[in-house]
Protein backbone atom coordinates (compact mmCIF):
# COMPACT_ATOMS: atom_id res chain seq x y z
CA MET A 1 -14.28 122.76 -9.59
CA SER A 2 -16.21 119.74 -10.86
CA GLU A 3 -16.09 117.60 -7.70
CA TRP A 4 -19.16 116.56 -5.74
CA VAL A 5 -19.81 115.90 -2.06
CA LEU A 6 -22.52 113.70 -0.54
CA ILE A 7 -24.10 114.77 2.75
CA LEU A 8 -26.45 112.56 4.73
CA GLY A 9 -28.56 114.99 6.72
CA GLY A 10 -27.89 118.18 4.79
CA SER A 11 -30.88 120.41 5.47
CA THR A 12 -30.39 121.82 8.97
CA GLY A 13 -27.70 122.20 11.63
CA HIS A 14 -24.19 121.01 10.88
CA GLY A 15 -25.20 119.37 7.61
CA ALA A 16 -26.80 122.53 6.24
CA ALA A 17 -23.87 124.71 7.27
CA THR A 18 -21.47 122.26 5.62
CA ALA A 19 -23.52 122.19 2.42
CA LYS A 20 -23.42 125.99 2.26
CA ARG A 21 -19.71 126.19 3.02
CA LEU A 22 -18.74 123.52 0.50
CA ALA A 23 -21.01 125.09 -2.10
CA ASN A 24 -19.08 128.31 -1.63
CA ASP A 25 -15.86 126.30 -1.92
CA GLY A 26 -16.99 125.24 -5.39
CA TYR A 27 -18.27 121.72 -4.80
CA GLY A 28 -21.49 120.35 -6.23
CA ILE A 29 -23.84 119.27 -3.45
CA ILE A 30 -25.76 115.99 -3.22
CA ALA A 31 -27.69 115.74 0.02
CA PHE A 32 -30.35 113.70 1.75
CA HIS A 33 -32.77 114.92 4.38
CA PHE A 34 -35.96 113.63 5.95
CA ASP A 35 -38.08 116.64 6.83
CA ARG A 36 -41.76 117.26 7.38
CA GLY A 37 -43.80 120.23 8.63
CA GLU A 38 -41.85 123.20 9.97
CA ALA A 39 -38.53 121.42 9.40
CA LYS A 40 -39.39 121.09 5.72
CA LYS A 41 -39.69 124.87 5.42
CA LEU A 42 -36.25 125.30 6.93
CA ALA A 43 -34.91 122.68 4.55
CA GLU A 44 -36.36 124.52 1.57
CA GLU A 45 -34.55 127.69 2.62
CA THR A 46 -31.26 125.78 2.76
CA ILE A 47 -31.87 124.16 -0.61
CA THR A 48 -32.68 127.48 -2.24
CA GLU A 49 -29.48 129.06 -0.92
CA VAL A 50 -27.27 126.13 -1.89
CA ASN A 51 -28.85 125.94 -5.33
CA GLN A 52 -28.14 129.63 -5.94
CA VAL A 53 -24.52 129.38 -4.80
CA THR A 54 -23.81 126.29 -6.90
CA GLY A 55 -25.58 127.58 -9.97
CA GLY A 56 -27.87 124.56 -9.99
CA ARG A 57 -25.22 121.94 -9.12
CA CYS A 58 -27.37 120.89 -6.19
CA HIS A 59 -29.49 117.77 -5.68
CA TYR A 60 -31.49 117.29 -2.48
CA PHE A 61 -33.58 114.17 -1.82
CA ASN A 62 -36.22 114.21 0.93
CA THR A 63 -36.25 110.57 2.00
CA ASN A 64 -34.90 108.26 4.70
CA ALA A 65 -31.18 108.03 3.91
CA ALA A 66 -30.69 105.24 6.46
CA ALA A 67 -32.96 102.82 4.59
CA GLU A 68 -31.22 100.25 2.40
CA ASP A 69 -33.76 100.62 -0.39
CA THR A 70 -32.98 104.36 -0.47
CA MET A 71 -29.31 103.58 -1.00
CA ASP A 72 -30.07 101.09 -3.76
CA LYS A 73 -32.48 103.49 -5.45
CA TYR A 74 -30.39 106.65 -5.36
CA ILE A 75 -26.82 105.44 -5.84
CA PRO A 76 -27.43 104.97 -9.59
CA GLN A 77 -28.71 108.56 -9.65
CA ILE A 78 -25.58 109.71 -7.83
CA GLN A 79 -23.49 107.95 -10.46
CA GLU A 80 -25.38 109.81 -13.15
CA ILE A 81 -24.98 113.15 -11.37
CA THR A 82 -21.21 112.75 -10.98
CA SER A 83 -20.78 111.11 -14.40
CA GLY A 84 -19.42 108.10 -12.59
CA GLU A 85 -16.66 110.06 -10.87
CA PRO A 86 -16.01 109.43 -7.14
CA VAL A 87 -17.40 111.88 -4.61
CA LYS A 88 -14.86 113.92 -2.66
CA LEU A 89 -16.75 113.49 0.60
CA LEU A 90 -19.29 111.22 2.22
CA LEU A 91 -20.48 113.00 5.37
CA HIS A 92 -22.79 111.41 7.92
CA SER A 93 -24.70 114.22 9.65
CA ILE A 94 -28.00 112.51 10.42
CA ALA A 95 -29.31 113.64 13.81
CA PHE A 96 -32.31 111.37 14.22
CA GLY A 97 -32.56 108.97 17.14
CA THR A 98 -34.22 108.29 20.46
CA THR A 99 -33.23 110.63 23.27
CA THR A 100 -34.19 109.03 26.57
CA ASN A 101 -32.57 107.29 29.50
CA LEU A 102 -31.76 103.59 29.68
CA PHE A 103 -33.76 103.28 32.93
CA GLY A 104 -36.60 105.13 34.64
CA GLU A 105 -40.20 105.87 33.72
CA LYS A 106 -39.62 105.66 29.97
CA PRO A 107 -36.53 103.49 29.42
CA VAL A 108 -35.32 103.00 25.87
CA THR A 109 -36.84 99.98 24.12
CA GLN A 110 -34.97 97.48 21.98
CA ARG A 111 -36.65 98.87 18.87
CA GLN A 112 -35.65 102.43 19.74
CA MET A 113 -32.06 101.43 20.49
CA ASP A 114 -31.73 99.40 17.29
CA MET A 115 -33.15 102.26 15.23
CA THR A 116 -30.88 104.86 16.81
CA VAL A 117 -27.70 102.82 16.39
CA HIS A 118 -28.62 102.00 12.80
CA VAL A 119 -29.54 105.52 11.71
CA MET A 120 -26.82 107.41 13.58
CA GLY A 121 -24.08 104.79 13.33
CA ASN A 122 -24.37 101.75 11.12
CA ALA A 123 -25.87 103.60 8.17
CA LEU A 124 -22.48 105.20 7.52
CA LEU A 125 -20.99 101.74 6.98
CA TYR A 126 -23.67 100.63 4.54
CA TRP A 127 -23.38 103.81 2.49
CA THR A 128 -19.60 103.44 2.42
CA GLN A 129 -19.81 99.80 1.32
CA LYS A 130 -22.22 100.53 -1.51
CA LEU A 131 -20.46 103.67 -2.75
CA TYR A 132 -17.08 101.94 -2.71
CA ALA A 133 -18.46 98.94 -4.59
CA GLU A 134 -19.69 101.27 -7.34
CA GLY A 135 -16.45 103.21 -7.60
CA LEU A 136 -17.95 106.32 -6.02
CA LEU A 137 -15.31 106.33 -3.29
CA ALA A 138 -11.71 106.22 -4.53
CA ASN A 139 -8.27 107.75 -4.08
CA GLY A 140 -8.69 111.19 -2.48
CA SER A 141 -12.20 110.56 -1.16
CA ARG A 142 -13.02 111.36 2.46
CA VAL A 143 -15.46 109.57 4.75
CA MET A 144 -16.52 111.59 7.80
CA GLY A 145 -19.03 111.33 10.60
CA LEU A 146 -20.03 113.78 13.30
CA THR A 147 -19.59 112.68 16.89
CA SER A 148 -19.93 114.36 20.27
CA GLU A 149 -18.71 114.41 23.85
CA GLY A 150 -21.35 111.80 24.58
CA ASN A 151 -18.97 109.25 23.10
CA TYR A 152 -17.26 109.02 26.49
CA VAL A 153 -19.35 111.09 28.95
CA ALA A 154 -22.72 110.02 30.36
CA MET A 155 -25.44 112.62 29.88
CA GLU A 156 -29.12 112.92 30.77
CA GLY A 157 -31.30 111.46 28.01
CA TYR A 158 -28.34 110.78 25.72
CA GLY A 159 -27.72 107.07 26.27
CA PRO A 160 -28.97 105.63 22.96
CA VAL A 161 -27.24 108.37 20.94
CA SER A 162 -24.01 107.81 22.89
CA VAL A 163 -24.08 104.14 21.90
CA ALA A 164 -24.65 105.12 18.26
CA LYS A 165 -21.76 107.59 18.28
CA VAL A 166 -19.35 105.03 19.72
CA ALA A 167 -20.48 102.53 17.07
CA MET A 168 -19.90 105.08 14.33
CA GLU A 169 -16.42 105.86 15.60
CA ALA A 170 -15.54 102.15 15.56
CA ILE A 171 -16.87 101.91 12.00
CA ILE A 172 -14.76 104.89 10.95
CA ARG A 173 -11.62 103.31 12.44
CA GLN A 174 -12.26 100.11 10.52
CA ILE A 175 -13.00 101.96 7.27
CA CYS A 176 -9.71 103.81 7.52
CA TRP A 177 -7.84 100.56 8.20
CA GLU A 178 -9.38 98.71 5.26
CA LEU A 179 -9.65 101.50 2.68
CA GLY A 180 -6.67 103.67 3.60
CA GLN A 181 -4.47 101.64 1.24
CA PHE A 182 -6.62 102.94 -1.61
CA GLY A 183 -6.20 106.59 -0.62
CA ILE A 184 -9.60 106.83 1.09
CA THR A 185 -9.46 108.44 4.53
CA ALA A 186 -11.99 108.25 7.34
CA ASN A 187 -12.28 110.59 10.31
CA ALA A 188 -14.79 111.79 12.87
CA VAL A 189 -15.35 115.44 13.72
CA GLN A 190 -16.35 116.03 17.33
CA ALA A 191 -18.34 119.21 17.76
CA GLY A 192 -18.95 120.89 21.09
CA VAL A 193 -22.43 121.67 22.38
CA THR A 194 -24.13 123.49 19.52
CA PRO A 195 -27.48 125.35 19.69
CA THR A 196 -29.39 123.46 16.99
CA ARG A 197 -32.87 121.95 16.68
CA ALA A 198 -31.34 118.56 17.48
CA LEU A 199 -30.04 119.83 20.84
CA THR A 200 -33.51 120.95 21.95
CA LYS A 201 -34.74 117.37 21.55
CA ILE A 202 -32.12 115.83 23.82
CA THR A 203 -33.22 117.45 27.08
CA GLU A 204 -35.64 120.03 28.37
CA GLY A 205 -32.65 121.60 30.08
CA TRP A 206 -30.91 122.46 26.82
CA GLU A 207 -30.76 126.16 27.66
CA ARG A 208 -28.87 125.31 30.85
CA TRP A 209 -26.51 123.14 28.79
CA ILE A 210 -25.71 126.16 26.62
CA GLU A 211 -25.07 128.48 29.56
CA ASN A 212 -22.89 125.91 31.33
CA THR A 213 -20.97 125.30 28.13
CA LYS A 214 -20.19 128.99 27.74
CA LYS A 215 -18.74 129.01 31.26
CA ARG A 216 -16.51 125.95 30.86
CA ASN A 217 -15.42 126.49 27.26
CA PRO A 218 -12.01 128.24 27.19
CA MET A 219 -13.35 130.48 24.41
CA ARG A 220 -16.50 131.30 26.40
CA ARG A 221 -18.95 130.42 23.68
CA THR A 222 -20.65 127.42 22.16
CA THR A 223 -19.71 125.71 18.93
CA THR A 224 -21.56 126.87 15.81
CA PRO A 225 -22.49 124.80 12.75
CA GLU A 226 -20.25 127.14 10.77
CA ASP A 227 -17.28 126.14 12.96
CA VAL A 228 -17.86 122.52 12.05
CA ALA A 229 -18.38 123.33 8.38
CA GLY A 230 -15.06 125.19 8.32
CA THR A 231 -13.28 122.20 9.86
CA ILE A 232 -14.73 119.85 7.26
CA SER A 233 -13.76 122.26 4.48
CA MET A 234 -10.21 122.29 5.82
CA LEU A 235 -10.08 118.48 5.92
CA LEU A 236 -10.87 118.35 2.19
CA GLN A 237 -7.69 120.22 1.33
CA PRO A 238 -4.75 118.29 -0.19
CA GLU A 239 -2.72 119.10 2.92
CA ALA A 240 -5.11 116.88 4.90
CA ASP A 241 -4.53 113.79 2.73
CA PHE A 242 -2.57 112.05 5.51
CA ILE A 243 -5.05 112.79 8.32
CA ASN A 244 -6.75 109.46 8.86
CA CYS A 245 -8.42 107.36 11.56
CA SER A 246 -8.73 110.38 13.87
CA ILE A 247 -11.24 112.29 15.93
CA ILE A 248 -10.88 115.97 15.04
CA TYR A 249 -12.07 118.22 17.87
CA CYS A 250 -13.99 121.33 16.85
CA ASP A 251 -15.11 122.62 20.21
CA GLY A 252 -12.77 125.38 21.33
CA GLY A 253 -11.24 123.06 23.94
CA GLU A 254 -14.58 122.37 25.60
CA SER A 255 -14.10 118.62 25.93
CA ARG A 256 -10.84 119.15 27.83
CA SER A 257 -12.15 121.78 30.23
CA GLY A 258 -14.12 120.12 32.99
CA SER A 259 -17.69 118.87 33.10
CA PHE A 260 -21.23 120.13 33.41
């Protein structure tokens, strides 16, 4: 297989699991991450594994993927990597935003809200616009973003991220409406509560979240990054060509089984 996928946020969590799965599926991996310190060590482990599986068809860039100058700088490099061929997948898996309440002792500020909505929502639009303009998204390409139950349920400390997720879903709907005629599909994958580094930053009660999730999930466990990666792999199959403008639930029925 000579096709490439582009993952925004591909070093840990869902993004890392997807990179590994799609590498095993035969895709070349282009990924962005923004890691420092301990997170950088984890990223290096992912990169090493993906590089081995792909036989070197792996390009990771440690920089802020949500910045416009990053897009302008690296899209020509992506064109060179793919020899100008469209990518099979653009996946938004960036989990970087402000986790706090809208009110209280430390309410979210305008700067924090703007940053969160841009990084976790709007950035998907700008990447899609620029890739499409350069012919890097075309017939058969998929655009996907990861969303969560916070898109319609209020949660402690999750307000700004909830707003970003809803914005991203609206962007995905509009992408599918405008680009579907060219054979480009756009969907969101909604994962259940997943024990990742990102979850630990949302609330100090993350361990309680996990235990409560296991009780209310019909399958009595939490979602894993590998579950999500498998769903994305499935959505790249030719049989999924007509799945468009949808939220695909990968949560074992969790979102339909009561509340915390």
